[in-house]
């Protein structure tokens, strides 16, 4: 090849590189929806609903329903730790609609120092709102193009318009000595199923404990609660 031909070939190559519109942004080799979210360390936000019931004794007759929205951000690149490899995400949610459905007012027996006493106990539907400002989530690394599994730990606060859970009635006929404020630590597992890029259907199962931390004179709490969460997430 002559020097002139070499010069022309080099000029054509340089122009092809510098011409606007020819350069392509770097993308991961695996361009699946899960891989894109992982590479971008995306934000997530969207609506969800929760439903579930208590476990053990009379708490198995308690049912719960809530609706709200969640927002989160993947904070780290993939961290490699064998089967636990994944990414850390911080999130929070708010549930402006929160309800507990309990048996109606009734008489209930209590044992105190070997003696059995029967007292009237409150009950019915309890309405309030909840906020969970702390959700620590671990998104596992996966080879799947559409499924992103995770597990999480979280802590929240519930406010109800009447003291919850229902307890022994005081003379005015309202549940006595519990609290309108309760804490709700929880932990659970779930998946994001991507229906298309940056859109996913979400399913999770959480174990929740509801307790006032003795803000009232009595703290009977709801010792165990299973809760299913269904949501739809937008990724950005």
Protein backbone atom coordinates (compact mmCIF):
# COMPACT_ATOMS: atom_id res chain seq x y z
CA UNK A 1 0.00 0.00 0.00
CA UNK A 2 1.38 3.42 -1.01
CA UNK A 3 1.82 6.25 1.47
CA UNK A 4 -1.07 8.10 -0.20
CA UNK A 5 -3.37 5.10 0.25
CA UNK A 6 -2.32 4.75 3.86
CA UNK A 7 -3.06 8.44 4.48
CA UNK A 8 -6.54 8.20 2.91
CA UNK A 9 -7.35 5.05 4.86
CA UNK A 10 -6.29 6.68 8.13
CA UNK A 11 -8.33 9.81 7.38
CA UNK A 12 -11.46 7.75 6.65
CA UNK A 13 -10.99 5.82 9.90
CA UNK A 14 -10.56 9.03 11.93
CA UNK A 15 -13.66 10.61 10.41
CA UNK A 16 -15.74 7.51 11.09
CA UNK A 17 -14.74 7.66 14.77
CA UNK A 18 -15.32 11.38 15.20
CA UNK A 19 -18.54 11.72 13.20
CA UNK A 20 -21.47 12.60 15.57
CA UNK A 21 -23.94 9.82 16.14
CA UNK A 22 -21.55 6.98 15.42
CA UNK A 23 -20.31 6.55 19.01
CA UNK A 24 -22.36 4.20 21.18
CA UNK A 25 -22.55 4.44 24.99
CA UNK A 26 -20.95 1.60 26.85
CA UNK A 27 -23.50 -1.00 27.95
CA UNK A 28 -23.02 -4.19 29.89
CA UNK A 29 -22.57 -7.29 27.75
CA UNK A 30 -25.70 -8.68 29.40
CA UNK A 31 -28.40 -6.09 28.59
CA UNK A 32 -31.27 -7.90 30.35
CA UNK A 33 -33.65 -5.80 32.54
CA UNK A 34 -32.06 -7.18 35.73
CA UNK A 35 -28.52 -6.46 34.49
CA UNK A 36 -29.42 -2.89 33.44
CA UNK A 37 -30.85 -2.07 36.88
CA UNK A 38 -27.79 -3.61 38.53
CA UNK A 39 -25.34 -1.67 36.33
CA UNK A 40 -27.19 1.65 36.71
CA UNK A 41 -27.69 1.31 40.51
CA UNK A 42 -31.21 2.45 39.82
CA UNK A 43 -33.84 4.22 41.90
CA UNK A 44 -37.10 2.34 42.37
CA UNK A 45 -40.54 3.68 43.25
CA UNK A 46 -44.11 2.49 43.02
CA UNK A 47 -47.37 1.54 44.78
CA UNK A 48 -48.06 -1.60 46.78
CA UNK A 49 -50.63 -3.32 48.98
CA UNK A 50 -50.08 -5.48 52.08
CA UNK A 51 -52.37 -8.08 53.57
CA UNK A 52 -51.94 -10.77 56.20
CA UNK A 53 -53.00 -12.03 59.60
CA UNK A 54 -51.67 -12.68 63.08
CA UNK A 55 -50.29 -15.99 64.31
CA UNK A 56 -50.90 -17.74 67.61
CA UNK A 57 -53.85 -17.75 70.02
CA UNK A 58 -56.48 -15.09 69.49
CA UNK A 59 -54.04 -13.17 67.23
CA UNK A 60 -54.84 -15.65 64.46
CA UNK A 61 -58.24 -13.91 64.27
CA UNK A 62 -56.58 -10.56 63.46
CA UNK A 63 -56.45 -9.57 59.78
CA UNK A 64 -54.58 -6.63 58.27
CA UNK A 65 -54.70 -4.62 55.05
CA UNK A 66 -52.65 -1.58 54.00
CA UNK A 67 -51.84 0.39 50.84
CA UNK A 68 -49.08 2.87 50.09
CA UNK A 69 -45.94 3.67 48.12
CA UNK A 70 -42.25 2.83 48.36
CA UNK A 71 -39.01 4.41 47.17
CA UNK A 72 -35.49 3.01 47.25
CA UNK A 73 -31.98 3.39 45.80
CA UNK A 74 -29.33 0.76 45.06
CA UNK A 75 -26.21 2.16 46.73
CA UNK A 76 -23.34 -0.23 46.00
CA UNK A 77 -21.79 -2.04 43.05
CA UNK A 78 -22.07 -5.83 43.14
CA UNK A 79 -20.30 -7.24 46.19
CA UNK A 80 -18.99 -10.76 45.70
CA UNK A 81 -19.44 -13.11 48.66
CA UNK A 82 -20.17 -16.52 47.19
CA UNK A 83 -23.85 -17.44 47.27
CA UNK A 84 -24.56 -14.21 49.20
CA UNK A 85 -23.20 -11.97 46.43
CA UNK A 86 -25.39 -8.95 45.79
CA UNK A 87 -26.00 -5.22 46.14
CA UNK A 88 -27.15 -3.13 49.09
CA UNK A 89 -30.27 -0.97 48.75
CA UNK A 90 -31.77 1.57 51.14
CA UNK A 91 -35.52 2.21 50.95
CA UNK A 92 -38.55 3.49 52.81
CA UNK A 93 -42.32 3.45 52.45
CA UNK A 94 -45.45 5.16 53.64
CA UNK A 95 -48.92 3.64 54.05
CA UNK A 96 -51.59 6.36 54.41
CA UNK A 97 -54.20 3.60 54.62
CA UNK A 98 -53.69 0.94 57.32
CA UNK A 99 -56.39 -1.21 58.89
CA UNK A 100 -56.59 -4.07 61.40
CA UNK A 101 -59.70 -6.23 61.61
CA UNK A 102 -60.16 -7.88 65.02
CA UNK A 103 -63.03 -9.75 66.72
CA UNK A 104 -65.74 -7.40 68.01
CA UNK A 105 -66.05 -6.45 71.69
CA UNK A 106 -66.38 -9.56 73.86
CA UNK A 107 -65.68 -11.03 77.28
CA UNK A 108 -62.31 -12.69 77.71
CA UNK A 109 -60.81 -14.73 80.56
CA UNK A 110 -57.41 -13.87 82.05
CA UNK A 111 -55.37 -15.85 84.57
CA UNK A 112 -53.58 -13.81 87.25
CA UNK A 113 -51.70 -15.46 90.13
CA UNK A 114 -53.61 -18.67 89.65
CA UNK A 115 -57.01 -16.98 89.60
CA UNK A 116 -59.20 -16.69 86.50
CA UNK A 117 -60.93 -13.37 85.84
CA UNK A 118 -63.31 -12.41 83.05
CA UNK A 119 -63.23 -8.87 81.66
CA UNK A 120 -64.84 -7.07 78.72
CA UNK A 121 -62.34 -6.57 75.88
CA UNK A 122 -62.57 -4.12 73.00
CA UNK A 123 -62.35 -5.00 69.32
CA UNK A 124 -63.52 -4.23 65.82
CA UNK A 125 -61.82 -2.40 62.96
CA UNK A 126 -58.84 -0.14 63.67
CA UNK A 127 -57.80 2.49 61.13
CA UNK A 128 -54.56 4.40 60.90
CA UNK A 129 -51.41 5.08 58.91
CA UNK A 130 -47.89 3.74 58.88
CA UNK A 131 -44.41 4.89 57.87
CA UNK A 132 -41.30 2.74 57.49
CA UNK A 133 -38.30 5.06 57.13
CA UNK A 134 -35.68 2.31 57.42
CA UNK A 135 -35.57 -0.59 54.98
CA UNK A 136 -32.23 -2.36 54.49
CA UNK A 137 -32.50 -4.60 51.44
CA UNK A 138 -30.00 -7.02 49.89
CA UNK A 139 -30.52 -7.74 46.17
CA UNK A 140 -28.89 -11.06 45.28
CA UNK A 141 -26.79 -11.40 42.14
CA UNK A 142 -28.57 -13.61 39.63
CA UNK A 143 -28.09 -14.87 36.08
CA UNK A 144 -31.81 -14.53 35.42
CA UNK A 145 -32.82 -11.87 32.92
CA UNK A 146 -36.15 -11.12 34.62
CA UNK A 147 -36.11 -12.27 38.25
CA UNK A 148 -34.30 -10.32 41.00
CA UNK A 149 -34.54 -11.96 44.47
CA UNK A 150 -33.97 -10.03 47.71
CA UNK A 151 -34.22 -10.16 51.48
CA UNK A 152 -34.66 -7.26 53.88
CA UNK A 153 -34.91 -5.99 57.43
CA UNK A 154 -36.98 -2.91 58.31
CA UNK A 155 -38.42 -0.81 61.10
CA UNK A 156 -41.56 1.31 61.06
CA UNK A 157 -44.18 3.17 63.07
CA UNK A 158 -47.97 2.74 63.09
CA UNK A 159 -50.52 5.31 64.26
CA UNK A 160 -54.16 4.28 64.83
CA UNK A 161 -57.13 6.50 65.67
CA UNK A 162 -57.95 4.19 68.62
CA UNK A 163 -55.58 2.40 70.98
CA UNK A 164 -54.30 -0.83 69.43
CA UNK A 165 -54.33 -3.75 70.00
CA UNK A 166 -57.70 -4.07 71.75
CA UNK A 167 -57.43 -4.65 75.48
CA UNK A 168 -59.51 -4.62 78.65
CA UNK A 169 -62.19 -1.91 78.52
CA UNK A 170 -62.01 1.00 80.92
CA UNK A 171 -65.24 2.51 82.37
CA UNK A 172 -65.71 4.82 79.37
CA UNK A 173 -65.93 1.76 77.11
CA UNK A 174 -62.71 2.23 75.15
CA UNK A 175 -59.69 -0.12 75.06
CA UNK A 176 -57.58 0.77 78.06
CA UNK A 177 -53.89 1.16 78.65
CA UNK A 178 -52.54 0.29 75.19
CA UNK A 179 -51.34 2.95 72.71
CA UNK A 180 -52.25 4.69 69.47
CA UNK A 181 -48.52 4.48 68.58
CA UNK A 182 -46.91 1.13 67.81
CA UNK A 183 -43.58 0.05 66.33
CA UNK A 184 -43.38 -2.54 63.56
CA UNK A 185 -39.98 -4.23 63.07
CA UNK A 186 -40.02 -6.77 60.25
CA UNK A 187 -37.96 -9.01 58.02
CA UNK A 188 -38.75 -10.81 54.80
CA UNK A 189 -37.90 -12.10 51.34
CA UNK A 190 -39.24 -11.43 47.86
CA UNK A 191 -38.63 -11.00 44.15
CA UNK A 192 -38.89 -8.37 41.44
CA UNK A 193 -40.22 -9.90 38.21
CA UNK A 194 -39.40 -7.63 35.25
CA UNK A 195 -42.18 -7.54 32.69
CA UNK A 196 -40.05 -5.24 30.51
CA UNK A 197 -37.04 -2.94 30.98
CA UNK A 198 -37.41 -0.70 34.06
CA UNK A 199 -40.79 -2.18 35.04
CA UNK A 200 -41.37 -4.98 37.53
CA UNK A 201 -44.10 -6.75 39.45
CA UNK A 202 -43.07 -7.34 43.06
CA UNK A 203 -44.01 -10.07 45.51
CA UNK A 204 -42.74 -10.26 49.09
CA UNK A 205 -43.46 -12.11 52.34
CA UNK A 206 -42.64 -10.47 55.68
CA UNK A 207 -42.80 -11.47 59.32
CA UNK A 208 -43.90 -8.45 61.39
CA UNK A 209 -44.05 -7.74 65.12
CA UNK A 210 -46.31 -4.94 66.42
CA UNK A 211 -45.50 -3.48 69.83
CA UNK A 212 -45.89 -0.15 71.63
CA UNK A 213 -42.58 -0.57 73.50
CA UNK A 214 -44.64 0.04 76.67
CA UNK A 215 -45.84 3.51 75.65
CA UNK A 216 -49.10 2.47 77.35
CA UNK A 217 -49.56 0.86 80.76
CA UNK A 218 -49.96 -2.51 79.04
CA UNK A 219 -48.19 -3.81 75.95
CA UNK A 220 -49.92 -7.00 74.78
CA UNK A 221 -48.65 -6.50 71.21
CA UNK A 222 -49.23 -8.71 68.21
CA UNK A 223 -46.49 -11.26 68.67
CA UNK A 224 -46.38 -12.58 65.14
CA UNK A 225 -47.85 -11.55 61.82
CA UNK A 226 -47.29 -12.88 58.31
CA UNK A 227 -47.75 -10.32 55.59
CA UNK A 228 -47.79 -10.58 51.79
CA UNK A 229 -46.80 -7.51 49.78
CA UNK A 230 -47.77 -7.01 46.12
CA UNK A 231 -46.48 -4.02 44.19
CA UNK A 232 -45.53 -2.52 40.84
CA UNK A 233 -42.16 -0.79 40.51
CA UNK A 234 -40.77 1.83 38.15
CA UNK A 235 -36.95 1.90 37.86
CA UNK A 236 -35.02 5.03 37.01
